Amino acid sequence: MYRIKDPRRSLKFYKDVLGMTLLKKMDFPGAKFSLFFMGYESPEDVPGDDKERTVWAMTRKATLELTQYARSFFTISELLLIILSKSPHD
């Protein structure tokens, strides 16, 4: 599992650079995260039915899970800005 910040940029990289296919996307709005399952499968082989697609995606031999949390983490630059903006007397 790899954590990603921007799904559009990450999916573009995994598709265009590494030649992977999005096998399945799962959203969990209550927990504020999404999962993207990538693999080396032909897009034509991906089932159209959602339930069938889920089972199919979880049985592929080489599947990479990308996890995107809705702003539950910060970049190093953002953390530095937060830390530097705090006064020792706050």
N, C-alpha and C. Protein backbone atom coordinates (compact mmCIF):
# COMPACT_ATOMS: atom_id res chain seq x y z
N MET A 1 0.85 -1.17 0.00
CA MET A 1 0.00 0.00 0.00
C MET A 1 0.89 1.23 0.00
N TYR A 2 0.58 2.15 -0.90
CA TYR A 2 1.27 3.42 -0.97
C TYR A 2 0.27 4.54 -0.73
N ARG A 3 0.62 5.49 0.10
CA ARG A 3 -0.25 6.65 0.32
C ARG A 3 0.03 7.68 -0.76
N ILE A 4 -1.04 8.24 -1.29
CA ILE A 4 -0.90 9.26 -2.32
C ILE A 4 -1.65 10.51 -1.90
N LYS A 5 -1.21 11.65 -2.41
CA LYS A 5 -1.84 12.92 -2.07
C LYS A 5 -2.83 13.35 -3.15
N ASP A 6 -2.43 13.22 -4.40
CA ASP A 6 -3.25 13.69 -5.52
C ASP A 6 -3.52 12.52 -6.47
N PRO A 7 -4.72 11.94 -6.39
CA PRO A 7 -5.03 10.77 -7.23
C PRO A 7 -4.87 11.02 -8.73
N ARG A 8 -5.24 12.21 -9.19
CA ARG A 8 -5.13 12.48 -10.63
C ARG A 8 -3.68 12.37 -11.10
N ARG A 9 -2.78 12.99 -10.36
CA ARG A 9 -1.36 12.95 -10.74
C ARG A 9 -0.78 11.55 -10.56
N SER A 10 -1.13 10.91 -9.46
CA SER A 10 -0.60 9.57 -9.20
C SER A 10 -1.11 8.56 -10.21
N LEU A 11 -2.41 8.57 -10.50
CA LEU A 11 -2.96 7.61 -11.46
C LEU A 11 -2.37 7.84 -12.85
N LYS A 12 -2.18 9.09 -13.22
CA LYS A 12 -1.55 9.40 -14.52
C LYS A 12 -0.15 8.79 -14.59
N PHE A 13 0.63 8.93 -13.50
CA PHE A 13 1.97 8.35 -13.46
C PHE A 13 1.92 6.83 -13.61
N TYR A 14 1.09 6.17 -12.80
CA TYR A 14 1.03 4.71 -12.83
C TYR A 14 0.50 4.19 -14.17
N LYS A 15 -0.41 4.93 -14.80
CA LYS A 15 -0.95 4.53 -16.10
C LYS A 15 0.03 4.84 -17.23
N ASP A 16 0.42 6.11 -17.34
CA ASP A 16 1.20 6.55 -18.50
C ASP A 16 2.67 6.16 -18.44
N VAL A 17 3.27 6.19 -17.26
CA VAL A 17 4.70 5.90 -17.14
C VAL A 17 4.95 4.41 -16.91
N LEU A 18 4.19 3.82 -16.00
CA LEU A 18 4.41 2.41 -15.66
C LEU A 18 3.54 1.44 -16.45
N GLY A 19 2.56 1.95 -17.19
CA GLY A 19 1.72 1.10 -18.03
C GLY A 19 0.70 0.27 -17.27
N MET A 20 0.32 0.71 -16.07
CA MET A 20 -0.65 -0.04 -15.26
C MET A 20 -2.07 0.39 -15.60
N THR A 21 -3.03 -0.42 -15.19
CA THR A 21 -4.45 -0.17 -15.40
C THR A 21 -5.14 -0.04 -14.05
N LEU A 22 -6.09 0.89 -13.96
CA LEU A 22 -6.91 0.99 -12.75
C LEU A 22 -7.87 -0.19 -12.75
N LEU A 23 -7.70 -1.07 -11.78
CA LEU A 23 -8.53 -2.27 -11.70
C LEU A 23 -9.81 -2.02 -10.92
N LYS A 24 -9.71 -1.20 -9.88
CA LYS A 24 -10.87 -0.95 -9.02
C LYS A 24 -10.61 0.29 -8.17
N LYS A 25 -11.64 1.11 -8.00
CA LYS A 25 -11.59 2.25 -7.09
C LYS A 25 -12.68 2.04 -6.05
N MET A 26 -12.31 2.26 -4.78
CA MET A 26 -13.28 2.12 -3.70
C MET A 26 -13.23 3.38 -2.85
N ASP A 27 -14.38 4.02 -2.67
CA ASP A 27 -14.48 5.23 -1.86
C ASP A 27 -15.12 4.90 -0.51
N PHE A 28 -14.58 5.51 0.54
CA PHE A 28 -15.09 5.36 1.89
C PHE A 28 -15.30 6.76 2.47
N PRO A 29 -16.39 7.44 2.05
CA PRO A 29 -16.60 8.83 2.45
C PRO A 29 -16.69 9.04 3.96
N GLY A 30 -17.27 8.10 4.68
CA GLY A 30 -17.38 8.24 6.13
C GLY A 30 -16.03 8.26 6.82
N ALA A 31 -15.09 7.50 6.28
CA ALA A 31 -13.75 7.45 6.85
C ALA A 31 -12.79 8.40 6.12
N LYS A 32 -13.29 9.06 5.09
CA LYS A 32 -12.54 10.06 4.32
C LYS A 32 -11.28 9.50 3.66
N PHE A 33 -11.43 8.37 2.96
CA PHE A 33 -10.31 7.87 2.17
C PHE A 33 -10.82 7.09 0.97
N SER A 34 -9.95 6.93 -0.01
CA SER A 34 -10.26 6.17 -1.22
C SER A 34 -9.11 5.21 -1.49
N LEU A 35 -9.44 4.07 -2.09
CA LEU A 35 -8.45 3.08 -2.48
C LEU A 35 -8.48 2.93 -3.99
N PHE A 36 -7.31 2.82 -4.57
CA PHE A 36 -7.16 2.62 -6.01
C PHE A 36 -6.29 1.39 -6.19
N PHE A 37 -6.81 0.38 -6.88
CA PHE A 37 -6.07 -0.84 -7.13
C PHE A 37 -5.58 -0.84 -8.57
N MET A 38 -4.27 -0.89 -8.73
CA MET A 38 -3.63 -0.83 -10.04
C MET A 38 -2.96 -2.16 -10.34
N GLY A 39 -2.92 -2.52 -11.62
CA GLY A 39 -2.26 -3.76 -11.99
C GLY A 39 -1.93 -3.79 -13.47
N TYR A 40 -1.21 -4.81 -13.88
CA TYR A 40 -0.83 -4.98 -15.28
C TYR A 40 -1.82 -5.91 -15.96
N GLU A 41 -3.00 -5.39 -16.18
CA GLU A 41 -4.07 -6.13 -16.86
C GLU A 41 -4.55 -5.30 -18.05
N SER A 42 -5.08 -5.96 -19.02
CA SER A 42 -5.64 -5.26 -20.17
C SER A 42 -6.95 -4.59 -19.76
N PRO A 43 -7.14 -3.30 -20.11
CA PRO A 43 -8.39 -2.62 -19.75
C PRO A 43 -9.64 -3.36 -20.27
N GLU A 44 -9.50 -4.06 -21.38
CA GLU A 44 -10.63 -4.81 -21.95
C GLU A 44 -11.04 -5.99 -21.07
N ASP A 45 -10.13 -6.46 -20.20
CA ASP A 45 -10.42 -7.60 -19.34
C ASP A 45 -11.10 -7.21 -18.03
N VAL A 46 -11.17 -5.91 -17.74
CA VAL A 46 -11.76 -5.44 -16.48
C VAL A 46 -13.28 -5.59 -16.56
N PRO A 47 -13.89 -6.35 -15.66
CA PRO A 47 -15.35 -6.55 -15.69
C PRO A 47 -16.11 -5.24 -15.48
N GLY A 48 -17.25 -5.13 -16.13
CA GLY A 48 -18.09 -3.94 -16.01
C GLY A 48 -18.95 -3.95 -14.75
N ASP A 49 -19.38 -5.12 -14.32
CA ASP A 49 -20.20 -5.26 -13.12
C ASP A 49 -19.36 -4.97 -11.89
N ASP A 50 -19.86 -4.10 -11.01
CA ASP A 50 -19.07 -3.64 -9.85
C ASP A 50 -18.69 -4.77 -8.91
N LYS A 51 -19.63 -5.66 -8.57
CA LYS A 51 -19.33 -6.77 -7.65
C LYS A 51 -18.33 -7.74 -8.28
N GLU A 52 -18.53 -8.05 -9.54
CA GLU A 52 -17.62 -8.94 -10.24
C GLU A 52 -16.23 -8.30 -10.35
N ARG A 53 -16.20 -7.00 -10.59
CA ARG A 53 -14.94 -6.27 -10.71
C ARG A 53 -14.15 -6.30 -9.39
N THR A 54 -14.86 -6.17 -8.27
CA THR A 54 -14.21 -6.20 -6.96
C THR A 54 -13.53 -7.54 -6.73
N VAL A 55 -14.25 -8.63 -6.94
CA VAL A 55 -13.69 -9.97 -6.76
C VAL A 55 -12.53 -10.18 -7.72
N TRP A 56 -12.73 -9.79 -8.98
CA TRP A 56 -11.70 -9.96 -10.01
C TRP A 56 -10.43 -9.19 -9.63
N ALA A 57 -10.57 -7.94 -9.21
CA ALA A 57 -9.41 -7.10 -8.88
C ALA A 57 -8.61 -7.67 -7.71
N MET A 58 -9.31 -8.26 -6.75
CA MET A 58 -8.63 -8.79 -5.56
C MET A 58 -7.96 -10.13 -5.81
N THR A 59 -8.16 -10.70 -6.98
CA THR A 59 -7.54 -12.00 -7.29
C THR A 59 -6.42 -11.89 -8.32
N ARG A 60 -6.05 -10.69 -8.71
CA ARG A 60 -4.95 -10.52 -9.67
C ARG A 60 -3.63 -10.81 -8.98
N LYS A 61 -2.66 -11.30 -9.72
CA LYS A 61 -1.37 -11.69 -9.14
C LYS A 61 -0.54 -10.49 -8.70
N ALA A 62 -0.53 -9.43 -9.46
CA ALA A 62 0.29 -8.26 -9.12
C ALA A 62 -0.61 -7.03 -9.04
N THR A 63 -1.01 -6.69 -7.83
CA THR A 63 -1.90 -5.55 -7.62
C THR A 63 -1.25 -4.60 -6.64
N LEU A 64 -1.30 -3.33 -6.99
CA LEU A 64 -0.75 -2.28 -6.14
C LEU A 64 -1.91 -1.46 -5.58
N GLU A 65 -1.91 -1.25 -4.28
CA GLU A 65 -2.96 -0.46 -3.64
C GLU A 65 -2.44 0.94 -3.35
N LEU A 66 -3.13 1.94 -3.89
CA LEU A 66 -2.83 3.34 -3.61
C LEU A 66 -3.93 3.86 -2.70
N THR A 67 -3.57 4.51 -1.61
CA THR A 67 -4.54 5.01 -0.65
C THR A 67 -4.43 6.52 -0.56
N GLN A 68 -5.57 7.19 -0.74
CA GLN A 68 -5.62 8.65 -0.65
C GLN A 68 -6.51 9.03 0.51
N TYR A 69 -5.90 9.68 1.51
CA TYR A 69 -6.65 10.18 2.65
C TYR A 69 -7.01 11.64 2.40
N ALA A 70 -8.18 12.04 2.80
CA ALA A 70 -8.64 13.41 2.59
C ALA A 70 -7.95 14.35 3.59
N ARG A 71 -6.77 14.81 3.22
CA ARG A 71 -6.01 15.79 3.99
C ARG A 71 -5.75 15.37 5.43
N SER A 72 -5.47 14.10 5.64
CA SER A 72 -5.15 13.66 6.99
C SER A 72 -3.64 13.70 7.24
N PHE A 73 -2.89 14.18 6.25
CA PHE A 73 -1.46 14.31 6.43
C PHE A 73 -1.00 15.59 5.75
N PHE A 74 0.18 16.02 6.08
CA PHE A 74 0.74 17.24 5.54
C PHE A 74 2.08 16.95 4.88
N THR A 75 2.44 17.81 3.93
CA THR A 75 3.78 17.71 3.36
C THR A 75 4.77 18.27 4.37
N ILE A 76 6.03 18.01 4.18
CA ILE A 76 7.05 18.54 5.08
C ILE A 76 7.02 20.07 5.08
N SER A 77 6.84 20.67 3.91
CA SER A 77 6.76 22.13 3.82
C SER A 77 5.59 22.68 4.63
N GLU A 78 4.44 22.01 4.54
CA GLU A 78 3.27 22.46 5.29
C GLU A 78 3.50 22.33 6.79
N LEU A 79 4.13 21.24 7.21
CA LEU A 79 4.42 21.06 8.64
C LEU A 79 5.38 22.13 9.14
N LEU A 80 6.40 22.44 8.34
CA LEU A 80 7.34 23.49 8.74
C LEU A 80 6.64 24.84 8.90
N LEU A 81 5.74 25.15 7.98
CA LEU A 81 4.99 26.41 8.07
C LEU A 81 4.14 26.45 9.33
N ILE A 82 3.51 25.34 9.66
CA ILE A 82 2.68 25.26 10.87
C ILE A 82 3.55 25.46 12.11
N ILE A 83 4.67 24.75 12.16
CA ILE A 83 5.56 24.84 13.32
C ILE A 83 6.14 26.23 13.46
N LEU A 84 6.59 26.82 12.36
CA LEU A 84 7.21 28.14 12.40
C LEU A 84 6.22 29.25 12.71
N SER A 85 4.96 29.02 12.40
CA SER A 85 3.95 30.08 12.66
C SER A 85 3.48 30.09 14.11
N LYS A 86 3.84 29.07 14.87
CA LYS A 86 3.43 28.99 16.29
C LYS A 86 4.40 29.76 17.16
N SER A 87 3.87 30.56 17.99
CA SER A 87 4.68 31.29 18.96
C SER A 87 4.94 30.38 20.15
N PRO A 88 6.11 30.48 20.78
CA PRO A 88 6.35 29.64 21.97
C PRO A 88 5.39 29.97 23.12
N HIS A 89 4.69 31.09 23.01
CA HIS A 89 3.78 31.51 24.09
C HIS A 89 2.33 31.16 23.79
N ASP A 90 2.07 30.48 22.67
CA ASP A 90 0.69 30.10 22.31
C ASP A 90 0.17 29.02 23.20
